[in-house]
């Protein structure tokens, strides 16, 4: 059992206050978008005077377990984060495992440095992810049914809205969605900033008048416009499902799902990867053709995993990937010592109160914002006290 020092990420969309306040440390006025707990080289978590990756490299069979090493190799399969967007972040998609392997190899062959800001593939792994809301959390993810997207565009008279609506009505399938989305973000067909401004002005007017067919969709468009005026990703939000999470609710984002987080604070768990392909709403590298090659255009509702209660104290969020699962355990003093299910390597992160974590290797106190790595060799884990801990492990 090792205490972790997470890696802070200063992306410009991050909140200056949310994570420092949560961790109980002084804010410095700079954006603090994420805090990483894992072994990915882009955000190395520290264990004392070395990284968690170096610790695992020293004895992967013991710390990860034979099963994890056989399935994933001698590396931690997942990455756990705090995430705190103060404004919308990238209209983006994550590649499948096959796409990531191919893209990574091609960029290596082309001699693109791993730390280049122009690089798409930072590793050869996929990046399915799940966010668990700690506060009210807003996002968009996945395409709406074409007819529903057309309804959102109804009554709008701007030339851009008319073009989008006409395409969807003539082809109310995933191919129609693909055409509209591709036309919006591609360099040769993307609308001019003035066209986006005209569309947003219409949407703002109907929202103010109370005539909106979807207040959440229109509110998302306005929020995105304020952060990135003129960006065609603002119009693309009309094609996507709006998602509002309350604390304790979760959202799963599979490979190929176009999405953007807008506001709030949550915990993210994902396969250990930093592969993000962007089409807009960002100051970072954008590669529209590569992004479009990875998009799934099939309309589907957002995937919102319902918690499965394993006991009175522990609920689990399961998703259809092998890299991670997430368990949340809440204890009070009268519970005594509560066993937390799970196996293999674990990262345990305290989100509320004061607890004590016990394994066969010993005990460690945890207060909000503190984290532990528990190796596979420690086998069992229990929590007591008064508070909540989140555990990421391998199914």
Protein backbone atom coordinates (compact mmCIF):
# COMPACT_ATOMS: atom_id res chain seq x y z
CA UNK A 1 0.00 0.00 0.00
CA UNK A 2 1.57 3.25 -1.19
CA UNK A 3 0.42 6.86 -0.83
CA UNK A 4 0.10 8.67 -4.18
CA UNK A 5 0.92 12.23 -5.19
CA UNK A 6 -1.24 12.97 -8.24
CA UNK A 7 -0.05 14.82 -11.34
CA UNK A 8 -1.80 18.13 -11.96
CA UNK A 9 -2.73 19.14 -15.52
CA UNK A 10 -3.02 22.84 -16.30
CA UNK A 11 -5.20 22.82 -19.42
CA UNK A 12 -6.76 26.19 -20.22
CA UNK A 13 -10.35 24.96 -19.84
CA UNK A 14 -9.84 24.00 -16.20
CA UNK A 15 -11.33 25.66 -13.15
CA UNK A 16 -8.84 27.60 -11.00
CA UNK A 17 -10.80 26.81 -7.83
CA UNK A 18 -12.57 23.44 -7.97
CA UNK A 19 -9.70 20.96 -7.55
CA UNK A 20 -7.66 23.08 -5.08
CA UNK A 21 -10.77 23.55 -2.95
CA UNK A 22 -11.49 19.83 -3.09
CA UNK A 23 -7.93 18.95 -2.10
CA UNK A 24 -7.87 21.60 0.61
CA UNK A 25 -4.90 23.51 -0.78
CA UNK A 26 -4.36 27.15 -1.73
CA UNK A 27 -5.37 28.09 -5.25
CA UNK A 28 -2.91 30.08 -7.36
CA UNK A 29 -5.32 31.57 -9.89
CA UNK A 30 -4.17 29.29 -12.70
CA UNK A 31 -6.46 26.77 -14.40
CA UNK A 32 -6.23 23.29 -12.90
CA UNK A 33 -8.17 21.01 -15.21
CA UNK A 34 -7.28 17.51 -14.02
CA UNK A 35 -5.41 15.57 -11.35
CA UNK A 36 -4.10 12.20 -12.57
CA UNK A 37 -3.56 9.03 -10.56
CA UNK A 38 -1.93 6.33 -12.64
CA UNK A 39 1.18 5.27 -14.51
CA UNK A 40 0.76 7.03 -17.86
CA UNK A 41 3.94 8.93 -18.87
CA UNK A 42 1.96 12.06 -19.79
CA UNK A 43 1.02 12.53 -16.11
CA UNK A 44 3.34 10.50 -13.89
CA UNK A 45 1.90 9.96 -10.41
CA UNK A 46 4.59 9.87 -7.76
CA UNK A 47 5.17 7.43 -4.92
CA UNK A 48 7.69 9.08 -2.67
CA UNK A 49 10.85 9.78 -4.68
CA UNK A 50 9.86 7.72 -7.74
CA UNK A 51 6.93 7.34 -10.09
CA UNK A 52 4.16 4.78 -9.79
CA UNK A 53 5.26 3.45 -13.19
CA UNK A 54 8.77 2.85 -11.86
CA UNK A 55 7.37 1.10 -8.79
CA UNK A 56 5.28 -1.22 -10.97
CA UNK A 57 8.22 -1.87 -13.30
CA UNK A 58 10.23 -3.09 -10.32
CA UNK A 59 7.90 -6.08 -9.76
CA UNK A 60 4.89 -6.20 -12.10
CA UNK A 61 3.93 -9.81 -11.30
CA UNK A 62 3.57 -9.01 -7.61
CA UNK A 63 1.95 -5.56 -7.92
CA UNK A 64 -0.33 -6.18 -10.89
CA UNK A 65 -0.94 -9.90 -10.53
CA UNK A 66 -0.38 -12.68 -13.03
CA UNK A 67 -3.82 -12.29 -14.64
CA UNK A 68 -3.41 -8.56 -15.35
CA UNK A 69 0.11 -9.01 -16.73
CA UNK A 70 -1.12 -11.78 -19.01
CA UNK A 71 -4.02 -9.70 -20.32
CA UNK A 72 -2.48 -6.24 -20.52
CA UNK A 73 1.25 -6.67 -20.21
CA UNK A 74 3.36 -5.31 -17.32
CA UNK A 75 1.48 -2.01 -17.03
CA UNK A 76 -1.40 -0.57 -15.03
CA UNK A 77 -4.46 -0.85 -17.34
CA UNK A 78 -6.40 2.15 -16.02
CA UNK A 79 -6.03 5.82 -15.17
CA UNK A 80 -8.06 7.65 -12.50
CA UNK A 81 -8.57 11.42 -12.54
CA UNK A 82 -10.28 14.37 -11.01
CA UNK A 83 -11.67 16.55 -13.82
CA UNK A 84 -12.99 20.09 -13.41
CA UNK A 85 -13.97 21.94 -16.60
CA UNK A 86 -14.87 25.58 -16.12
CA UNK A 87 -15.72 25.88 -19.82
CA UNK A 88 -16.28 23.49 -22.67
CA UNK A 89 -13.38 21.27 -23.65
CA UNK A 90 -12.64 19.80 -27.07
CA UNK A 91 -15.24 18.39 -29.40
CA UNK A 92 -13.46 15.06 -29.48
CA UNK A 93 -13.46 11.33 -29.98
CA UNK A 94 -11.27 8.47 -28.74
CA UNK A 95 -9.95 5.75 -31.06
CA UNK A 96 -10.57 2.03 -30.83
CA UNK A 97 -7.67 -0.20 -29.84
CA UNK A 98 -7.00 -1.15 -33.48
CA UNK A 99 -7.06 2.50 -34.60
CA UNK A 100 -4.74 3.52 -31.76
CA UNK A 101 -2.18 0.83 -32.54
CA UNK A 102 -2.13 1.74 -36.24
CA UNK A 103 -2.04 5.50 -35.63
CA UNK A 104 0.72 5.22 -33.05
CA UNK A 105 2.89 3.14 -35.35
CA UNK A 106 2.35 5.46 -38.31
CA UNK A 107 3.30 8.55 -36.31
CA UNK A 108 6.38 6.76 -34.97
CA UNK A 109 7.41 5.85 -38.52
CA UNK A 110 6.89 9.46 -39.58
CA UNK A 111 9.23 10.60 -36.81
CA UNK A 112 6.67 12.70 -34.91
CA UNK A 113 8.10 13.16 -31.37
CA UNK A 114 5.96 11.75 -28.57
CA UNK A 115 5.87 15.15 -26.88
CA UNK A 116 5.00 17.05 -30.07
CA UNK A 117 1.81 19.16 -29.79
CA UNK A 118 1.02 18.00 -33.34
CA UNK A 119 0.89 14.36 -32.33
CA UNK A 120 -2.50 12.58 -32.35
CA UNK A 121 -1.53 9.27 -30.76
CA UNK A 122 0.44 9.51 -27.53
CA UNK A 123 0.27 5.74 -26.99
CA UNK A 124 -1.01 2.55 -28.62
CA UNK A 125 -4.09 2.14 -26.44
CA UNK A 126 -7.80 2.84 -26.70
CA UNK A 127 -9.44 5.26 -24.28
CA UNK A 128 -12.96 4.26 -23.25
CA UNK A 129 -13.85 6.37 -20.22
CA UNK A 130 -16.46 6.94 -17.55
CA UNK A 131 -17.10 10.09 -15.54
CA UNK A 132 -18.76 9.99 -12.11
CA UNK A 133 -20.21 13.36 -11.15
CA UNK A 134 -19.18 14.93 -7.86
CA UNK A 135 -21.18 18.10 -8.61
CA UNK A 136 -23.79 19.06 -11.20
CA UNK A 137 -22.07 18.08 -14.48
CA UNK A 138 -22.98 19.06 -18.06
CA UNK A 139 -21.84 17.30 -21.24
CA UNK A 140 -22.83 16.33 -24.76
CA UNK A 141 -22.17 12.86 -26.14
CA UNK A 142 -23.19 10.72 -29.09
CA UNK A 143 -25.45 11.66 -31.99
CA UNK A 144 -29.17 12.20 -31.60
CA UNK A 145 -31.54 10.39 -33.93
CA UNK A 146 -31.53 12.35 -37.22
CA UNK A 147 -35.23 13.21 -36.95
CA UNK A 148 -34.70 14.52 -33.41
CA UNK A 149 -31.77 16.64 -34.57
CA UNK A 150 -33.95 18.04 -37.37
CA UNK A 151 -36.62 18.95 -34.81
CA UNK A 152 -34.07 20.98 -32.83
CA UNK A 153 -33.33 22.90 -36.04
CA UNK A 154 -37.03 23.47 -36.80
CA UNK A 155 -38.20 27.07 -37.18
CA UNK A 156 -34.63 28.38 -37.45
CA UNK A 157 -34.29 30.54 -40.55
CA UNK A 158 -30.55 31.15 -40.84
CA UNK A 159 -28.95 29.70 -44.00
CA UNK A 160 -26.79 27.32 -41.96
CA UNK A 161 -29.77 25.92 -40.04
CA UNK A 162 -31.70 25.48 -43.27
CA UNK A 163 -28.82 23.54 -44.88
CA UNK A 164 -28.42 21.27 -41.87
CA UNK A 165 -32.16 20.62 -41.61
CA UNK A 166 -32.54 19.93 -45.34
CA UNK A 167 -29.76 17.32 -45.31
CA UNK A 168 -31.25 15.53 -42.32
CA UNK A 169 -34.75 15.49 -43.78
CA UNK A 170 -33.56 14.20 -47.15
CA UNK A 171 -31.43 11.52 -45.48
CA UNK A 172 -32.72 10.76 -41.95
CA UNK A 173 -30.06 8.09 -41.34
CA UNK A 174 -26.56 7.91 -39.92
CA UNK A 175 -25.32 8.91 -43.39
CA UNK A 176 -27.24 12.16 -43.13
CA UNK A 177 -25.74 12.81 -39.70
CA UNK A 178 -22.30 12.03 -41.10
CA UNK A 179 -22.80 14.46 -43.96
CA UNK A 180 -23.92 17.32 -41.73
CA UNK A 181 -21.18 16.76 -39.14
CA UNK A 182 -18.47 16.37 -41.78
CA UNK A 183 -19.59 19.54 -43.57
CA UNK A 184 -19.52 21.47 -40.28
CA UNK A 185 -15.98 20.59 -39.21
CA UNK A 186 -14.08 20.00 -42.49
CA UNK A 187 -11.80 22.78 -43.71
CA UNK A 188 -13.30 22.99 -47.21
CA UNK A 189 -16.95 23.12 -46.13
CA UNK A 190 -17.03 24.55 -42.62
CA UNK A 191 -19.34 27.55 -42.16
CA UNK A 192 -17.88 31.01 -41.74
CA UNK A 193 -17.85 32.55 -38.25
CA UNK A 194 -20.56 34.98 -39.37
CA UNK A 195 -22.85 32.05 -40.23
CA UNK A 196 -22.29 30.51 -36.81
CA UNK A 197 -23.00 33.89 -35.21
CA UNK A 198 -26.29 34.20 -37.10
CA UNK A 199 -27.34 30.70 -36.02
CA UNK A 200 -26.45 31.37 -32.37
CA UNK A 201 -28.33 34.68 -32.42
CA UNK A 202 -31.48 32.82 -33.49
CA UNK A 203 -31.01 30.17 -30.83
CA UNK A 204 -30.42 32.78 -28.14
CA UNK A 205 -33.59 34.61 -29.17
CA UNK A 206 -35.80 31.53 -28.99
CA UNK A 207 -34.25 30.50 -25.69
CA UNK A 208 -34.98 33.94 -24.26
CA UNK A 209 -38.53 33.85 -25.62
CA UNK A 210 -39.18 30.42 -24.11
CA UNK A 211 -39.79 28.85 -27.53
CA UNK A 212 -36.92 26.37 -27.49
CA UNK A 213 -37.70 22.74 -28.39
CA UNK A 214 -34.80 21.75 -26.11
CA UNK A 215 -33.57 24.25 -23.54
CA UNK A 216 -30.61 22.04 -22.65
CA UNK A 217 -29.42 21.82 -26.26
CA UNK A 218 -29.79 25.56 -26.80
CA UNK A 219 -28.10 26.37 -23.48
CA UNK A 220 -25.16 24.17 -24.46
CA UNK A 221 -24.84 26.01 -27.77
CA UNK A 222 -24.76 29.37 -25.99
CA UNK A 223 -22.14 28.13 -23.47
CA UNK A 224 -19.93 26.85 -26.27
CA UNK A 225 -20.32 30.07 -28.24
CA UNK A 226 -19.18 32.15 -25.28
CA UNK A 227 -15.98 30.09 -25.02
CA UNK A 228 -15.31 29.63 -28.76
CA UNK A 229 -17.23 32.18 -30.85
CA UNK A 230 -17.24 31.25 -34.51
CA UNK A 231 -16.15 27.66 -33.98
CA UNK A 232 -18.28 25.21 -36.04
CA UNK A 233 -18.25 22.83 -33.09
CA UNK A 234 -20.89 25.16 -31.62
CA UNK A 235 -23.32 24.15 -34.39
CA UNK A 236 -22.31 20.50 -34.07
CA UNK A 237 -23.73 20.52 -30.53
CA UNK A 238 -27.21 20.60 -32.12
CA UNK A 239 -26.58 17.06 -33.37
CA UNK A 240 -25.49 15.62 -30.01
CA UNK A 241 -27.30 14.29 -26.95
CA UNK A 242 -27.28 16.67 -23.97
CA UNK A 243 -26.38 15.05 -20.66
CA UNK A 244 -26.93 16.42 -17.16
CA UNK A 245 -25.46 14.42 -14.29
CA UNK A 246 -26.30 14.90 -10.65
CA UNK A 247 -23.74 13.92 -7.99
CA UNK A 248 -23.37 10.14 -7.98
CA UNK A 249 -24.53 9.69 -11.57
CA UNK A 250 -22.19 8.35 -14.25
CA UNK A 251 -21.64 8.63 -18.00
CA UNK A 252 -19.72 6.11 -20.12
CA UNK A 253 -18.05 7.24 -23.35
CA UNK A 254 -17.02 4.38 -25.66
CA UNK A 255 -14.56 4.60 -28.52
CA UNK A 256 -15.96 6.52 -31.49
CA UNK A 257 -18.48 8.58 -29.51
CA UNK A 258 -18.23 12.31 -30.24
CA UNK A 259 -18.43 14.21 -26.97
CA UNK A 260 -17.51 17.32 -25.05
CA UNK A 261 -17.63 18.08 -21.33
CA UNK A 262 -18.99 21.52 -20.52
CA UNK A 263 -18.92 22.18 -16.77
CA UNK A 264 -18.83 20.61 -13.34
CA UNK A 265 -16.48 18.39 -11.37
CA UNK A 266 -16.16 14.64 -11.45
CA UNK A 267 -13.99 11.59 -11.23
CA UNK A 268 -12.93 9.98 -14.49
CA UNK A 269 -11.70 6.44 -14.92
CA UNK A 270 -10.42 5.21 -18.27
CA UNK A 271 -8.06 2.89 -20.03
CA UNK A 272 -4.53 4.17 -19.51
CA UNK A 273 -4.28 6.38 -22.57
CA UNK A 274 -4.01 10.02 -23.62
CA UNK A 275 -5.29 9.59 -27.18
CA UNK A 276 -7.69 12.41 -28.04
CA UNK A 277 -8.72 13.34 -31.58
CA UNK A 278 -10.22 16.82 -31.80
CA UNK A 279 -12.39 18.63 -34.34
CA UNK A 280 -12.94 21.96 -32.58
CA UNK A 281 -13.75 23.87 -29.39
CA UNK A 282 -10.10 23.83 -28.37
CA UNK A 283 -6.77 25.63 -28.52
CA UNK A 284 -4.99 22.28 -28.86
CA UNK A 285 -4.07 20.35 -31.99
CA UNK A 286 -7.00 19.65 -34.34
CA UNK A 287 -6.88 16.90 -36.99
CA UNK A 288 -10.33 16.74 -38.54
CA UNK A 289 -9.67 13.95 -41.09
CA UNK A 290 -8.19 11.65 -38.43
CA UNK A 291 -10.98 12.48 -36.02
CA UNK A 292 -13.67 11.77 -38.62
CA UNK A 293 -12.08 8.41 -39.43
CA UNK A 294 -12.71 7.30 -35.84
CA UNK A 295 -16.30 8.54 -35.40
CA UNK A 296 -19.28 6.25 -34.87
CA UNK A 297 -22.27 7.94 -36.54
CA UNK A 298 -24.95 5.55 -35.29
CA UNK A 299 -27.50 7.46 -33.21
CA UNK A 300 -27.75 6.19 -29.65
CA UNK A 301 -28.81 7.55 -26.26
CA UNK A 302 -26.08 8.38 -23.75
CA UNK A 303 -24.74 5.38 -21.83
CA UNK A 304 -25.47 6.14 -18.17
CA UNK A 305 -24.47 3.13 -16.04
CA UNK A 306 -26.78 2.56 -13.11
CA UNK A 307 -24.98 1.60 -9.90
CA UNK A 308 -25.22 -2.01 -8.80
CA UNK A 309 -25.33 -2.25 -5.02
CA UNK A 310 -22.95 -4.95 -3.81
CA UNK A 311 -23.75 -4.18 -0.18
CA UNK A 312 -25.31 -1.39 1.84
CA UNK A 313 -21.96 0.39 1.76
CA UNK A 314 -20.64 -0.31 -1.74
CA UNK A 315 -22.04 0.39 -5.16
CA UNK A 316 -20.33 -0.55 -8.43
CA UNK A 317 -20.40 1.06 -11.87
CA UNK A 318 -19.76 -1.59 -14.52
CA UNK A 319 -19.13 -0.87 -18.21
CA UNK A 320 -18.41 -3.18 -21.18
CA UNK A 321 -14.61 -2.91 -21.15
CA UNK A 322 -11.93 -5.06 -19.53
CA UNK A 323 -9.61 -2.24 -18.44
CA UNK A 324 -11.42 -0.87 -15.39
CA UNK A 325 -14.39 -0.83 -13.07
CA UNK A 326 -15.35 1.72 -10.42
CA UNK A 327 -16.62 1.06 -6.90
CA UNK A 328 -17.85 3.66 -4.41
CA UNK A 329 -17.94 2.81 -0.70
CA UNK A 330 -19.54 5.00 1.96
CA UNK A 331 -19.05 4.09 5.61
CA UNK A 332 -20.16 5.38 9.01
CA UNK A 333 -18.59 4.46 12.37
CA UNK A 334 -21.34 1.99 13.25
CA UNK A 335 -20.47 -0.10 10.17
CA UNK A 336 -17.15 -1.11 11.65
CA UNK A 337 -14.66 -2.43 9.10
CA UNK A 338 -16.29 -2.91 5.68
CA UNK A 339 -14.76 -5.22 3.08
CA UNK A 340 -14.49 -3.67 -0.38
CA UNK A 341 -14.77 -6.13 -3.29
CA UNK A 342 -12.16 -6.12 -6.02
CA UNK A 343 -8.94 -7.74 -7.06
CA UNK A 344 -5.68 -6.98 -8.78
CA UNK A 345 -4.11 -3.53 -8.58
CA UNK A 346 -6.32 -0.82 -7.09
CA UNK A 347 -6.23 2.93 -6.71
CA UNK A 348 -8.34 4.18 -3.80
CA UNK A 349 -9.30 7.85 -3.69
CA UNK A 350 -11.09 9.57 -0.81
CA UNK A 351 -13.90 11.94 -1.81
CA UNK A 352 -15.51 12.67 1.57
CA UNK A 353 -14.75 12.54 5.28
CA UNK A 354 -12.04 10.62 7.09
CA UNK A 355 -11.49 6.90 6.70
CA UNK A 356 -8.90 4.21 7.32
CA UNK A 357 -7.96 1.67 4.66
CA UNK A 358 -6.74 -1.74 5.85
CA UNK A 359 -5.03 -4.46 3.83
CA UNK A 360 -2.88 -7.42 4.93
CA UNK A 361 0.11 -5.06 4.51
CA UNK A 362 -1.14 -2.55 7.09
CA UNK A 363 -3.33 0.50 7.57
CA UNK A 364 -3.42 4.01 6.10
CA UNK A 365 -5.67 6.97 6.97
CA UNK A 366 -7.37 8.83 4.12
CA UNK A 367 -9.04 12.22 4.04
CA UNK A 368 -10.71 13.91 1.11
CA UNK A 369 -8.41 14.19 -1.90
CA UNK A 370 -5.85 11.63 -0.74
CA UNK A 371 -5.12 8.47 -2.73
CA UNK A 372 -3.46 5.07 -2.30
CA UNK A 373 -2.11 2.41 -4.64
CA UNK A 374 -2.80 -1.13 -3.41
CA UNK A 375 -0.91 -3.93 -5.13
CA UNK A 376 -2.48 -7.20 -6.23
CA UNK A 377 -0.42 -9.07 -3.66
CA UNK A 378 -2.33 -7.40 -0.82
CA UNK A 379 -5.47 -9.24 -2.03
CA UNK A 380 -8.11 -7.87 0.37
CA UNK A 381 -9.08 -4.32 1.33
CA UNK A 382 -11.39 -2.87 3.99
CA UNK A 383 -12.53 0.64 4.92
CA UNK A 384 -13.76 2.07 8.20
CA UNK A 385 -14.53 5.49 9.62
CA UNK A 386 -16.90 8.14 8.28
CA UNK A 387 -16.60 9.05 4.63
CA UNK A 388 -16.54 7.89 1.02
CA UNK A 389 -13.80 6.31 -1.04
CA UNK A 390 -13.74 5.52 -4.77
CA UNK A 391 -11.85 2.47 -5.95
CA UNK A 392 -10.64 1.79 -9.49
CA UNK A 393 -9.60 -1.79 -10.22
CA UNK A 394 -9.54 -4.37 -13.02
CA UNK A 395 -12.57 -6.59 -13.64
